[in-house]
Amino acid sequence: MKFIWFFLNIVFLSALTVSSALASSDSKSSVDFQAMHPSVVRVAQQIAVDTGKPLIDKSSGQAKPSELEKSLPAIVPEAKVADAKKPTSYHQRSNSYATNPESDPPRYVRQLSDIGVERFKDITWLEVGLEHRTRYEWRNNDIRRIEGGEDNPFFLRNRAWIGIKDILDPFRFAVEFQDSRVYNNKHAITDQERNEYDLLNAYGELHFKKALGADDRGNDRPIRFRVGRMAYETTDRRFIARNEWRNTTNTFEGFRLNLGREANDWELDLFGFQPVRRLQTKFDEANDHLWFFGGIGTWRKWSEIATIQAYYHGQKQTADPNGFTATNRLDRQIHMPGFRVYGKAGSILDFDVSYNHQLGYSGPNRVDAQGYTIEVGRGFTHAWKPRLSAFYGYASGDKDPNDGVDNRFDRFFGFARPWSADHYVVYENLKAPKLRFEFSPTQKLGFELGYGAYWLASKTDRMFDILDGNISNTVKDPGFNRDRTGQSGDFGGHAFEGRIRYQPTSRINTILGYTHFTSGEFVNNRISANSCATLHKHPCVDQRSGDTDFLYFEVLISLL
């Protein structure tokens, strides 16, 4: 890995400079008690006037020290109570479904002092985490596959994290390990399911806590610079995501520069990455043919009403003559400016809106594509916290395969869920209205019900993840998921979804989910057109219904 040498140099240089760094970090802001003294005396005097007990010694004209000291304890708690009511962070979570990024570090990570071992109670500079997830799936006539029938795979995923902060500042580092496997899967295993013994994070960071001062609420505004391997999520997870549902995880090699942090009123995130290719049974490596870069500006000054994010993402790919897919073998360059606004309209509605436009070229074709999402919801005042929401997502598809313009929207490295729980569609060539209702009878128990319908934005383009048409490094795309003539129609189908979430303890989460998908004309026509009876050759699709059932049960355990 090309960044390892740079990483080791940072470690060495930081070791040489740690003494001076620790000394310089002593310049923390402190309370100026001398400056506060006149104000405290005035407050105390006012209390004395109100209570009829003067604090001034008439003979000297000075305050009585003993009386002043007795008065202070009554003042300080009141000030603390008042301060406690003020929000300290500008950050507000979005109420839209599944769009809040994973924390940094991830939720299963904690300080060693917090794991409950007495001898470690003062070790706040070491972050550790262990997590295990098991998921069983039952799929009946899964339309992602050419072959019908039933499948009953078991997915196992293990993660471990270790990180150092504070004690060596400004230098910090973190390493995250992951092992992903699948058992009892009757289909060819892809890099979406298996990735054995690999690293998601392995980075060094220079972290300057107060480099940019503080915001109006007193939150330090740091500068952070990371180099190495990184897996993280940002904005609404639609373009950069760890893909927590999937058994394997997106990660990148490169650099990331942050001005400010999540708690601040503004933040700027700049990055330049090479995506990491998942090699299943070998150590992953960066894709030397592809760079992913951009910047994200976030404004939270008015976050009680709206948080505003403006961003630019770009991809530059040089053709790989040995690329697995036709797209890999093209020179491509995509530029995407976009914005997102989310917040609340008082107590009436919450909202989350985004728009993105893509320009550039893909091989000989010019790129011109767009995508947008709109979600509005209403939470009701009830102990069960019910919420009803409506969503609409649009992503353009290629209008004409022969016009020299590629209109297919590119989701870059965003999540597939929750576009569809069964992973049949993603953020491309799509028109998707959805309704969702959720409620939580207790803090540990939650229910979700949803209905979604899926149309192709262009009936001459593909429906991404059906009939072995997924982009993987294992299964060749036979092209069954696209009808270039447009005669198969544009309605993909619709689905009912349900989930039950139960958390028996603070470190164990369980999910039971079910989805029934009813196919539309496009899916039915593509199955019929590529059936064995029609083609009289292989590969072919078994003649079967396009309707599918998907049931799953998942257990997630934090071991520390």
Protein backbone atom coordinates (compact mmCIF):
# COMPACT_ATOMS: atom_id res chain seq x y z
CA MET A 1 0.00 0.00 0.00
CA LYS A 2 1.58 3.24 -1.21
CA PHE A 3 0.48 5.29 1.82
CA ILE A 4 2.17 3.01 4.40
CA TRP A 5 5.57 4.70 3.92
CA PHE A 6 4.02 8.15 4.38
CA PHE A 7 2.13 6.86 7.42
CA LEU A 8 5.35 5.55 9.05
CA ASN A 9 7.11 8.86 8.44
CA ILE A 10 4.33 10.69 10.23
CA VAL A 11 4.66 8.34 13.19
CA PHE A 12 8.43 8.90 13.36
CA LEU A 13 8.22 12.68 13.09
CA SER A 14 5.43 12.83 15.66
CA ALA A 15 7.50 10.81 18.12
CA LEU A 16 10.31 13.37 17.78
CA THR A 17 7.99 16.32 18.30
CA VAL A 18 5.58 14.95 20.88
CA SER A 19 7.19 16.81 23.80
CA SER A 20 6.89 20.18 22.12
CA ALA A 21 3.38 19.33 20.93
CA LEU A 22 2.26 18.48 24.45
CA ALA A 23 3.83 21.68 25.75
CA SER A 24 2.10 23.80 23.14
CA SER A 25 -1.22 22.13 23.88
CA ASP A 26 -1.10 23.64 27.37
CA SER A 27 -2.30 26.92 25.89
CA LYS A 28 -5.89 25.94 26.61
CA SER A 29 -8.32 28.74 27.36
CA SER A 30 -8.93 29.23 31.07
CA VAL A 31 -11.43 31.18 33.11
CA ASP A 32 -10.19 34.68 34.02
CA PHE A 33 -11.30 34.82 37.64
CA GLN A 34 -9.86 38.30 38.14
CA ALA A 35 -11.97 39.63 35.31
CA MET A 36 -15.00 37.81 36.69
CA HIS A 37 -14.55 39.09 40.25
CA PRO A 38 -16.31 42.50 39.87
CA SER A 39 -19.30 40.84 38.21
CA VAL A 40 -19.54 38.20 40.90
CA VAL A 41 -19.39 40.87 43.60
CA ARG A 42 -22.15 42.87 41.92
CA VAL A 43 -24.38 39.78 41.70
CA ALA A 44 -23.70 38.95 45.32
CA GLN A 45 -24.45 42.52 46.37
CA GLN A 46 -27.73 42.46 44.49
CA ILE A 47 -28.71 39.24 46.29
CA ALA A 48 -27.83 40.91 49.57
CA VAL A 49 -30.05 43.86 48.75
CA ASP A 50 -32.91 41.54 47.83
CA THR A 51 -32.55 39.57 51.06
CA GLY A 52 -31.93 42.57 53.30
CA LYS A 53 -28.44 41.36 54.33
CA PRO A 54 -25.81 43.91 53.18
CA LEU A 55 -22.37 42.56 52.34
CA ILE A 56 -20.53 45.88 52.85
CA ASP A 57 -18.66 46.58 56.04
CA LYS A 58 -19.76 50.12 56.87
CA SER A 59 -16.57 50.88 58.75
CA SER A 60 -14.29 49.98 55.81
CA GLY A 61 -16.60 50.29 52.86
CA GLN A 62 -15.37 46.85 51.65
CA ALA A 63 -17.26 43.66 51.07
CA LYS A 64 -17.24 41.17 53.91
CA PRO A 65 -15.24 38.17 52.65
CA SER A 66 -17.06 35.64 54.77
CA GLU A 67 -20.49 36.80 53.61
CA LEU A 68 -19.40 36.89 49.97
CA GLU A 69 -18.08 33.34 50.13
CA LYS A 70 -21.31 32.12 51.72
CA SER A 71 -23.32 33.70 48.95
CA LEU A 72 -21.39 32.19 46.01
CA PRO A 73 -22.58 28.58 46.34
CA ALA A 74 -26.15 29.77 45.86
CA ILE A 75 -25.17 31.62 42.68
CA VAL A 76 -23.01 29.03 40.93
CA PRO A 77 -25.56 26.18 40.75
CA GLU A 78 -28.14 28.55 39.27
CA ALA A 79 -25.67 29.61 36.56
CA LYS A 80 -24.91 25.97 35.77
CA VAL A 81 -28.59 25.15 35.43
CA ALA A 82 -29.08 28.05 33.04
CA ASP A 83 -26.05 27.04 30.97
CA ALA A 84 -27.23 23.42 30.82
CA LYS A 85 -30.33 24.51 28.93
CA LYS A 86 -28.28 26.04 26.13
CA PRO A 87 -27.37 23.70 23.24
CA THR A 88 -23.62 23.31 22.93
CA SER A 89 -23.56 21.79 19.43
CA TYR A 90 -24.92 23.25 16.21
CA HIS A 91 -25.40 19.78 14.75
CA GLN A 92 -28.96 18.58 14.18
CA ARG A 93 -29.77 15.10 12.91
CA SER A 94 -32.02 14.73 9.90
CA ASN A 95 -35.36 13.02 10.49
CA SER A 96 -35.36 11.56 6.96
CA TYR A 97 -35.07 7.80 6.76
CA ALA A 98 -31.57 6.26 7.03
CA THR A 99 -29.68 9.38 5.91
CA ASN A 100 -27.62 10.13 9.04
CA PRO A 101 -23.98 9.12 8.54
CA GLU A 102 -22.21 6.70 10.85
CA SER A 103 -20.31 8.48 13.62
CA ASP A 104 -16.53 9.00 13.46
CA PRO A 105 -15.31 6.70 14.95
CA PRO A 106 -18.19 4.20 14.47
CA ARG A 107 -20.81 3.63 17.16
CA TYR A 108 -19.33 0.36 18.43
CA VAL A 109 -16.09 2.16 19.38
CA ARG A 110 -15.61 3.54 22.90
CA GLN A 111 -12.90 4.89 25.13
CA LEU A 112 -11.12 2.24 27.16
CA SER A 113 -12.23 4.12 30.28
CA ASP A 114 -15.87 3.39 29.37
CA ILE A 115 -15.79 -0.39 29.01
CA GLY A 116 -16.52 -0.96 32.73
CA VAL A 117 -13.11 -2.20 33.96
CA GLU A 118 -12.00 -0.31 37.07
CA ARG A 119 -8.27 -0.36 36.30
CA PHE A 120 -8.93 1.30 32.91
CA LYS A 121 -11.15 4.11 34.20
CA ASP A 122 -8.54 6.83 33.58
CA ILE A 123 -7.44 5.69 30.10
CA THR A 124 -9.43 8.10 27.94
CA TRP A 125 -6.84 8.39 25.16
CA LEU A 126 -7.25 4.84 23.85
CA GLU A 127 -10.29 3.95 21.71
CA VAL A 128 -11.26 0.31 21.22
CA GLY A 129 -14.12 -1.64 19.70
CA LEU A 130 -15.20 -5.18 18.85
CA GLU A 131 -18.36 -5.97 16.89
CA HIS A 132 -19.96 -9.10 15.47
CA ARG A 133 -22.94 -9.37 13.12
CA THR A 134 -24.78 -12.46 11.92
CA ARG A 135 -27.60 -12.27 9.38
CA TYR A 136 -29.72 -15.07 7.98
CA GLU A 137 -31.62 -14.46 4.75
CA TRP A 138 -34.35 -16.40 3.00
CA ARG A 139 -34.94 -15.35 -0.58
CA ASN A 140 -37.52 -16.87 -2.89
CA ASN A 141 -37.12 -16.29 -6.65
CA ASP A 142 -34.62 -13.48 -6.11
CA ILE A 143 -34.71 -11.43 -9.33
CA ARG A 144 -31.12 -10.30 -8.80
CA ARG A 145 -30.19 -13.78 -10.07
CA ILE A 146 -30.77 -15.55 -13.36
CA GLU A 147 -31.57 -18.75 -11.47
CA GLY A 148 -34.84 -18.87 -9.54
CA GLY A 149 -35.76 -20.96 -6.52
CA GLU A 150 -34.79 -20.51 -2.90
CA ASP A 151 -31.57 -19.35 -1.26
CA ASN A 152 -30.70 -19.45 2.47
CA PRO A 153 -27.34 -17.73 3.03
CA PHE A 154 -25.73 -16.85 6.38
CA PHE A 155 -23.61 -13.70 6.47
CA LEU A 156 -20.95 -13.18 9.15
CA ARG A 157 -19.08 -9.92 9.73
CA ASN A 158 -16.51 -9.15 12.44
CA ARG A 159 -14.90 -5.78 13.14
CA ALA A 160 -12.22 -4.51 15.50
CA TRP A 161 -10.96 -0.96 16.12
CA ILE A 162 -8.00 0.55 17.96
CA GLY A 163 -7.15 4.23 17.96
CA ILE A 164 -5.01 6.76 19.83
CA LYS A 165 -6.11 10.35 20.51
CA ASP A 166 -5.18 13.28 22.79
CA ILE A 167 -2.06 11.79 24.40
CA LEU A 168 0.16 12.31 21.33
CA ASP A 169 -1.64 15.34 19.90
CA PRO A 170 -1.46 16.66 17.30
CA PHE A 171 -0.72 13.14 16.02
CA ARG A 172 -3.51 10.55 16.13
CA PHE A 173 -4.05 7.25 14.38
CA ALA A 174 -6.64 4.49 14.02
CA VAL A 175 -6.87 1.00 12.55
CA GLU A 176 -10.12 -0.87 11.80
CA PHE A 177 -10.11 -4.54 10.83
CA GLN A 178 -12.96 -6.42 9.16
CA ASP A 179 -13.58 -10.03 8.17
CA SER A 180 -16.64 -10.77 6.00
CA ARG A 181 -17.83 -14.25 4.98
CA VAL A 182 -20.91 -15.99 3.61
CA TYR A 183 -22.04 -19.59 4.05
CA ASN A 184 -24.76 -21.73 2.49
CA ASN A 185 -25.01 -19.43 -0.53
CA LYS A 186 -25.94 -21.35 -3.68
CA HIS A 187 -24.80 -18.59 -6.05
CA ALA A 188 -21.32 -17.48 -7.05
CA ILE A 189 -19.85 -15.44 -4.19
CA THR A 190 -19.08 -11.80 -5.03
CA ASP A 191 -17.12 -8.99 -3.37
CA GLN A 192 -20.40 -7.70 -1.93
CA GLU A 193 -20.56 -10.75 0.34
CA ARG A 194 -17.01 -11.89 1.09
CA ASN A 195 -13.84 -9.96 1.98
CA GLU A 196 -11.60 -11.92 4.33
CA TYR A 197 -9.08 -10.42 6.78
CA ASP A 198 -8.74 -6.85 5.62
CA LEU A 199 -8.51 -3.23 6.77
CA LEU A 200 -11.24 -0.60 6.52
CA ASN A 201 -9.26 2.13 8.26
CA ALA A 202 -5.51 2.53 8.69
CA TYR A 203 -4.70 6.23 8.84
CA GLY A 204 -2.54 8.79 10.56
CA GLU A 205 -4.02 12.14 11.48
CA LEU A 206 -2.71 15.55 12.45
CA HIS A 207 -5.35 17.04 14.73
CA PHE A 208 -5.07 20.67 15.86
CA LYS A 209 -7.92 21.19 18.32
CA LYS A 210 -8.10 24.99 18.33
CA ALA A 211 -6.40 25.90 15.08
CA LEU A 212 -9.41 27.97 13.94
CA GLY A 213 -10.48 29.24 17.37
CA ALA A 214 -14.01 28.54 18.55
CA ASP A 215 -17.55 29.18 17.36
CA ASP A 216 -20.12 31.34 19.14
CA ARG A 217 -21.14 28.47 21.42
CA GLY A 218 -17.60 27.81 22.55
CA ASN A 219 -16.97 24.67 20.47
CA ASP A 220 -13.33 24.31 19.43
CA ARG A 221 -12.92 24.58 15.66
CA PRO A 222 -10.10 22.15 14.72
CA ILE A 223 -8.11 21.37 11.61
CA ARG A 224 -7.78 17.64 10.87
CA PHE A 225 -5.63 16.09 8.15
CA ARG A 226 -5.76 12.33 7.54
CA VAL A 227 -3.65 10.18 5.26
CA GLY A 228 -4.06 6.46 4.64
CA ARG A 229 -7.03 4.12 4.27
CA MET A 230 -10.44 5.44 5.32
CA ALA A 231 -14.03 4.19 5.43
CA TYR A 232 -16.58 6.81 6.34
CA GLU A 233 -19.92 8.38 5.42
CA THR A 234 -20.97 11.95 4.81
CA THR A 235 -23.93 14.16 3.74
CA ASP A 236 -26.96 11.86 3.25
CA ARG A 237 -24.87 8.74 2.46
CA ARG A 238 -26.08 8.69 -1.15
CA PHE A 239 -22.59 9.28 -2.66
CA ILE A 240 -20.08 8.34 0.06
CA ALA A 241 -21.10 5.50 2.39
CA ARG A 242 -19.71 2.58 4.31
CA ASN A 243 -22.78 0.60 3.17
CA GLU A 244 -23.58 -0.78 6.61
CA TRP A 245 -26.25 -3.20 5.36
CA ARG A 246 -23.98 -4.95 2.89
CA ASN A 247 -21.65 -7.62 4.26
CA THR A 248 -18.59 -5.85 2.83
CA THR A 249 -17.66 -2.20 3.20
CA ASN A 250 -16.55 0.65 0.94
CA THR A 251 -13.17 2.10 1.77
CA PHE A 252 -10.65 4.46 0.14
CA GLU A 253 -6.95 5.33 0.14
CA GLY A 254 -5.88 8.96 0.02
CA PHE A 255 -6.24 12.09 2.10
CA ARG A 256 -8.96 14.02 3.87
CA LEU A 257 -8.77 17.58 5.23
CA ASN A 258 -11.43 18.92 7.62
CA LEU A 259 -11.75 22.55 8.69
CA GLY A 260 -14.10 22.51 11.68
CA ARG A 261 -16.14 19.63 13.01
CA GLU A 262 -19.72 18.40 13.34
CA ALA A 263 -20.47 20.51 16.42
CA ASN A 264 -19.45 23.80 14.72
CA ASP A 265 -21.64 26.31 12.93
CA TRP A 266 -19.70 25.67 9.71
CA GLU A 267 -17.43 22.92 8.42
CA LEU A 268 -15.45 22.22 5.24
CA ASP A 269 -14.51 18.67 4.21
CA LEU A 270 -12.00 18.19 1.35
CA PHE A 271 -10.89 14.79 0.05
CA GLY A 272 -8.97 12.98 -2.66
CA PHE A 273 -9.21 9.16 -2.80
CA GLN A 274 -8.53 6.07 -4.81
CA PRO A 275 -11.34 3.58 -4.12
CA VAL A 276 -10.14 0.26 -2.72
CA ARG A 277 -10.82 -2.88 -4.77
CA ARG A 278 -12.17 -5.71 -2.62
CA LEU A 279 -10.27 -8.89 -3.55
CA GLN A 280 -12.26 -11.36 -1.39
CA THR A 281 -9.41 -13.64 -0.27
CA LYS A 282 -6.37 -11.37 -0.84
CA PHE A 283 -5.34 -8.10 0.73
CA ASP A 284 -7.31 -5.27 -0.87
CA GLU A 285 -5.54 -2.70 -3.01
CA ALA A 286 -6.29 0.76 -4.36
CA ASN A 287 -7.72 1.14 -7.84
CA ASP A 288 -4.88 2.97 -9.62
CA HIS A 289 -7.17 3.76 -12.56
CA LEU A 290 -9.70 5.81 -10.57
CA TRP A 291 -9.61 8.95 -8.41
CA PHE A 292 -12.57 10.25 -6.44
CA PHE A 293 -12.30 13.81 -5.12
CA GLY A 294 -14.34 16.77 -3.94
CA GLY A 295 -15.37 19.11 -1.17
CA ILE A 296 -18.39 19.51 1.12
CA GLY A 297 -19.34 22.73 2.87
CA THR A 298 -21.87 22.57 5.72
CA TRP A 299 -23.62 25.60 7.28
CA ARG A 300 -25.32 24.96 10.63
CA LYS A 301 -25.82 28.47 11.98
CA TRP A 302 -29.58 28.10 11.47
CA SER A 303 -29.70 24.36 12.15
CA GLU A 304 -32.80 24.61 14.38
CA ILE A 305 -34.58 25.49 11.13
CA ALA A 306 -32.32 24.22 8.35
CA THR A 307 -28.87 22.74 7.76
CA ILE A 308 -27.39 23.59 4.35
CA GLN A 309 -24.80 21.49 2.53
CA ALA A 310 -23.23 22.51 -0.78
CA TYR A 311 -20.75 20.15 -2.39
CA TYR A 312 -18.79 19.10 -5.42
CA HIS A 313 -17.83 15.48 -6.21
CA GLY A 314 -15.72 14.33 -9.12
CA GLN A 315 -14.43 11.09 -10.64
CA LYS A 316 -11.56 10.67 -13.07
CA GLN A 317 -10.94 7.22 -14.54
CA THR A 318 -8.26 6.12 -16.96
CA ALA A 319 -9.20 3.13 -19.07
CA ASP A 320 -8.14 -0.25 -17.73
CA PRO A 321 -7.66 -2.60 -20.70
CA ASN A 322 -8.06 -5.54 -18.31
CA GLY A 323 -11.14 -4.09 -16.64
CA PHE A 324 -13.84 -6.55 -15.66
CA THR A 325 -16.75 -4.49 -17.02
CA ALA A 326 -17.17 -2.44 -20.17
CA THR A 327 -17.32 0.70 -18.02
CA ASN A 328 -13.91 -0.14 -16.47
CA ARG A 329 -12.40 -0.10 -19.95
CA LEU A 330 -13.39 3.50 -20.70
CA ASP A 331 -11.77 6.85 -20.00
CA ARG A 332 -14.34 8.65 -17.87
CA GLN A 333 -14.62 11.97 -16.09
CA ILE A 334 -17.67 13.09 -14.13
CA HIS A 335 -18.19 16.37 -12.28
CA MET A 336 -21.13 16.76 -9.92
CA PRO A 337 -22.13 19.97 -8.14
CA GLY A 338 -25.02 19.56 -5.72
CA PHE A 339 -26.72 20.74 -2.57
CA ARG A 340 -28.81 19.41 0.28
CA VAL A 341 -31.09 21.20 2.77
CA TYR A 342 -32.76 19.52 5.71
CA GLY A 343 -34.52 20.71 8.84
CA LYS A 344 -37.91 21.41 10.38
CA ALA A 345 -40.79 23.71 9.58
CA GLY A 346 -41.67 24.36 13.21
CA SER A 347 -43.51 21.45 14.78
CA ILE A 348 -45.52 20.80 11.61
CA LEU A 349 -43.14 19.04 9.18
CA ASP A 350 -39.56 17.96 8.79
CA PHE A 351 -37.93 17.95 5.36
CA ASP A 352 -34.84 16.76 3.49
CA VAL A 353 -34.22 17.91 -0.09
CA SER A 354 -31.25 17.43 -2.44
CA TYR A 355 -30.37 18.12 -6.08
CA ASN A 356 -27.36 16.99 -8.11
CA HIS A 357 -26.23 17.52 -11.72
CA GLN A 358 -23.52 15.50 -13.47
CA LEU A 359 -21.40 16.63 -16.42
CA GLY A 360 -18.33 15.25 -18.18
CA TYR A 361 -17.65 12.35 -20.51
CA SER A 362 -17.77 8.55 -20.51
CA GLY A 363 -15.69 7.12 -23.33
CA PRO A 364 -16.84 8.82 -26.56
CA ASN A 365 -20.11 10.02 -24.99
CA ARG A 366 -20.85 13.28 -23.24
CA VAL A 367 -22.34 12.96 -19.73
CA ASP A 368 -25.45 14.94 -18.84
CA ALA A 369 -27.44 13.51 -15.92
CA GLN A 370 -29.31 14.63 -12.84
CA GLY A 371 -30.81 13.28 -9.66
CA TYR A 372 -32.85 14.66 -6.78
CA THR A 373 -34.63 13.52 -3.62
CA ILE A 374 -37.48 15.00 -1.60
CA GLU A 375 -38.73 13.73 1.75
CA VAL A 376 -41.25 15.32 4.09
CA GLY A 377 -42.42 13.82 7.35
CA ARG A 378 -44.54 14.48 10.37
CA GLY A 379 -43.89 13.26 13.88
CA PHE A 380 -46.88 13.09 16.24
CA THR A 381 -46.99 13.88 19.92
CA HIS A 382 -47.50 10.45 21.42
CA ALA A 383 -45.56 8.18 23.77
CA TRP A 384 -44.94 5.76 20.87
CA LYS A 385 -43.28 8.50 18.75
CA PRO A 386 -45.14 7.75 15.49
CA ARG A 387 -43.83 9.32 12.27
CA LEU A 388 -45.35 9.34 8.80
CA SER A 389 -43.21 10.30 5.81
CA ALA A 390 -43.44 10.59 2.04
CA PHE A 391 -40.42 10.33 -0.25
CA TYR A 392 -39.73 10.79 -3.94
CA GLY A 393 -36.41 10.08 -5.61
CA TYR A 394 -35.45 10.63 -9.24
CA ALA A 395 -32.29 9.69 -11.15
CA SER A 396 -32.05 10.07 -14.90
CA GLY A 397 -31.36 7.15 -17.22
CA ASP A 398 -29.83 7.01 -20.68
CA LYS A 399 -32.51 8.27 -23.06
CA ASP A 400 -31.00 6.96 -26.29
CA PRO A 401 -28.06 4.51 -26.47
CA ASN A 402 -27.10 5.92 -29.89
CA ASP A 403 -27.24 9.70 -29.42
CA GLY A 404 -23.69 10.24 -28.08
CA VAL A 405 -24.97 11.48 -24.70
CA ASP A 406 -24.92 9.36 -21.53
CA ASN A 407 -27.80 10.41 -19.27
CA ARG A 408 -27.37 7.66 -16.68
CA PHE A 409 -26.94 9.14 -13.19
CA ASP A 410 -23.94 7.76 -11.25
CA ARG A 411 -24.36 7.14 -7.50
CA PHE A 412 -20.55 7.03 -7.03
CA PHE A 413 -20.04 5.12 -3.74
CA GLY A 414 -23.41 5.62 -2.07
CA PHE A 415 -25.64 3.13 -0.31
CA ALA A 416 -28.15 0.89 -2.06
CA ARG A 417 -30.56 0.67 0.85
CA PRO A 418 -33.05 2.09 1.60
CA TRP A 419 -33.92 2.60 -2.07
CA SER A 420 -35.23 -0.95 -1.88
CA ALA A 421 -34.78 -3.35 1.00
CA ASP A 422 -34.21 -6.28 -1.35
CA HIS A 423 -31.51 -4.39 -3.31
CA TYR A 424 -33.27 -4.44 -6.69
CA VAL A 425 -32.79 -0.74 -7.48
CA VAL A 426 -30.18 1.91 -6.70
CA TYR A 427 -29.82 5.66 -7.32
CA GLU A 428 -29.79 5.46 -11.14
CA ASN A 429 -32.45 5.42 -13.89
CA LEU A 430 -35.21 5.58 -11.33
CA LYS A 431 -38.46 7.22 -10.31
CA ALA A 432 -39.34 6.03 -6.82
CA PRO A 433 -42.22 7.29 -4.64
CA LYS A 434 -42.35 5.77 -1.13
CA LEU A 435 -44.53 5.99 1.96
CA ARG A 436 -43.30 4.99 5.41
CA PHE A 437 -44.79 4.74 8.89
CA GLU A 438 -42.74 4.03 11.98
CA PHE A 439 -43.32 3.99 15.72
CA SER A 440 -41.58 2.85 18.93
CA PRO A 441 -43.79 1.52 21.76
CA THR A 442 -40.70 1.43 24.01
CA GLN A 443 -37.16 2.68 23.79
CA LYS A 444 -36.02 -0.86 22.96
CA LEU A 445 -38.72 -1.78 20.44
CA GLY A 446 -39.48 -0.20 17.06
CA PHE A 447 -41.68 -0.99 14.06
CA GLU A 448 -41.40 0.22 10.44
CA LEU A 449 -43.85 -0.25 7.58
CA GLY A 450 -43.25 0.94 4.04
CA TYR A 451 -44.56 0.86 0.50
CA GLY A 452 -42.52 1.75 -2.58
CA ALA A 453 -43.02 1.69 -6.34
CA TYR A 454 -40.29 1.78 -8.98
CA TRP A 455 -40.36 3.11 -12.54
CA LEU A 456 -37.44 3.43 -14.91
CA ALA A 457 -36.71 7.07 -15.73
CA SER A 458 -35.76 5.82 -19.21
CA LYS A 459 -37.20 2.56 -20.51
CA THR A 460 -34.23 2.17 -22.88
CA ASP A 461 -31.78 1.96 -19.96
CA ARG A 462 -31.18 -0.76 -17.38
CA MET A 463 -32.76 -1.73 -14.08
CA PHE A 464 -29.49 -2.06 -12.22
CA ASP A 465 -29.42 -5.09 -9.97
CA ILE A 466 -31.60 -7.69 -11.68
CA LEU A 467 -30.84 -10.86 -13.69
CA ASP A 468 -27.11 -10.93 -12.86
CA GLY A 469 -26.73 -7.38 -14.10
CA ASN A 470 -24.97 -6.15 -10.96
CA ILE A 471 -21.53 -4.58 -11.18
CA SER A 472 -19.18 -7.05 -9.48
CA ASN A 473 -15.80 -8.59 -10.13
CA THR A 474 -17.18 -12.13 -10.17
CA VAL A 475 -20.24 -12.44 -12.41
CA LYS A 476 -20.18 -11.18 -16.00
CA ASP A 477 -23.16 -8.98 -16.85
CA PRO A 478 -25.17 -10.87 -19.51
CA GLY A 479 -27.15 -7.72 -20.37
CA PHE A 480 -30.56 -9.14 -19.45
CA ASN A 481 -31.42 -6.09 -17.31
CA ARG A 482 -31.72 -3.68 -20.25
CA ASP A 483 -33.94 -3.40 -23.31
CA ARG A 484 -32.34 -0.87 -25.66
CA THR A 485 -35.50 -0.80 -27.79
CA GLY A 486 -37.68 0.32 -24.86
CA GLN A 487 -40.37 -2.25 -25.74
CA SER A 488 -40.29 -3.91 -22.30
CA GLY A 489 -41.97 -0.92 -20.65
CA ASP A 490 -40.84 1.22 -17.72
CA PHE A 491 -42.64 -0.13 -14.61
CA GLY A 492 -40.28 -2.23 -12.52
CA GLY A 493 -42.68 -3.18 -9.76
CA HIS A 494 -43.70 -2.30 -6.22
CA ALA A 495 -42.95 -3.64 -2.76
CA PHE A 496 -44.28 -3.80 0.79
CA GLU A 497 -41.62 -3.68 3.49
CA GLY A 498 -41.67 -4.24 7.22
CA ARG A 499 -39.07 -4.27 9.99
CA ILE A 500 -39.10 -4.94 13.72
CA ARG A 501 -36.14 -3.65 15.72
CA TYR A 502 -35.53 -4.91 19.25
CA GLN A 503 -32.63 -4.05 21.54
CA PRO A 504 -32.58 -6.48 24.50
CA THR A 505 -29.45 -4.85 25.98
CA SER A 506 -27.41 -1.75 25.25
CA ARG A 507 -24.88 -3.89 23.38
CA ILE A 508 -27.19 -6.19 21.40
CA ASN A 509 -29.45 -5.15 18.52
CA THR A 510 -31.77 -7.45 16.58
CA ILE A 511 -33.78 -6.86 13.40
CA LEU A 512 -36.47 -8.98 11.77
CA GLY A 513 -37.46 -7.83 8.30
CA TYR A 514 -39.67 -8.92 5.40
CA THR A 515 -40.29 -7.61 1.89
CA HIS A 516 -42.68 -8.79 -0.80
CA PHE A 517 -41.92 -7.50 -4.28
CA THR A 518 -44.54 -7.67 -7.04
CA SER A 519 -42.97 -7.36 -10.47
CA GLY A 520 -44.12 -4.89 -13.10
CA GLU A 521 -44.14 -5.08 -16.89
CA PHE A 522 -40.43 -4.38 -17.31
CA VAL A 523 -39.30 -7.23 -15.02
CA ASN A 524 -41.87 -9.66 -16.41
CA ASN A 525 -40.92 -8.87 -20.00
CA ARG A 526 -37.18 -9.20 -19.32
CA ILE A 527 -37.73 -12.60 -17.64
CA SER A 528 -39.84 -13.77 -20.56
CA ALA A 529 -37.46 -12.46 -23.21
CA ASN A 530 -34.50 -14.25 -21.65
CA SER A 531 -36.18 -17.48 -20.61
CA CYS A 532 -34.88 -20.86 -21.70
CA ALA A 533 -38.06 -21.45 -23.70
CA THR A 534 -37.44 -18.29 -25.72
CA LEU A 535 -33.69 -18.46 -26.27
CA HIS A 536 -33.21 -22.25 -26.55
CA LYS A 537 -29.65 -21.76 -25.36
CA HIS A 538 -27.63 -20.96 -22.23
CA PRO A 539 -27.33 -18.77 -20.27
CA CYS A 540 -31.05 -18.33 -19.93
CA VAL A 541 -33.57 -17.43 -17.26
CA ASP A 542 -35.81 -20.12 -15.81
CA GLN A 543 -39.43 -19.30 -16.62
CA ARG A 544 -40.83 -18.11 -13.28
CA SER A 545 -42.83 -15.40 -11.63
CA GLY A 546 -41.15 -12.07 -11.05
CA ASP A 547 -42.75 -11.85 -7.60
CA THR A 548 -40.26 -12.40 -4.78
CA ASP A 549 -40.13 -12.81 -1.00
CA PHE A 550 -37.27 -11.71 1.21
CA LEU A 551 -37.09 -12.52 4.94
CA TYR A 552 -34.09 -11.82 7.16
CA PHE A 553 -33.04 -11.88 10.81
CA GLU A 554 -29.98 -10.01 12.04
CA VAL A 555 -28.11 -9.87 15.36
CA LEU A 556 -25.53 -7.14 15.97
CA ILE A 557 -23.36 -7.44 19.11
CA SER A 558 -20.91 -4.89 20.50
CA LEU A 559 -18.41 -6.93 22.51
CA LEU A 560 -16.89 -4.06 24.53
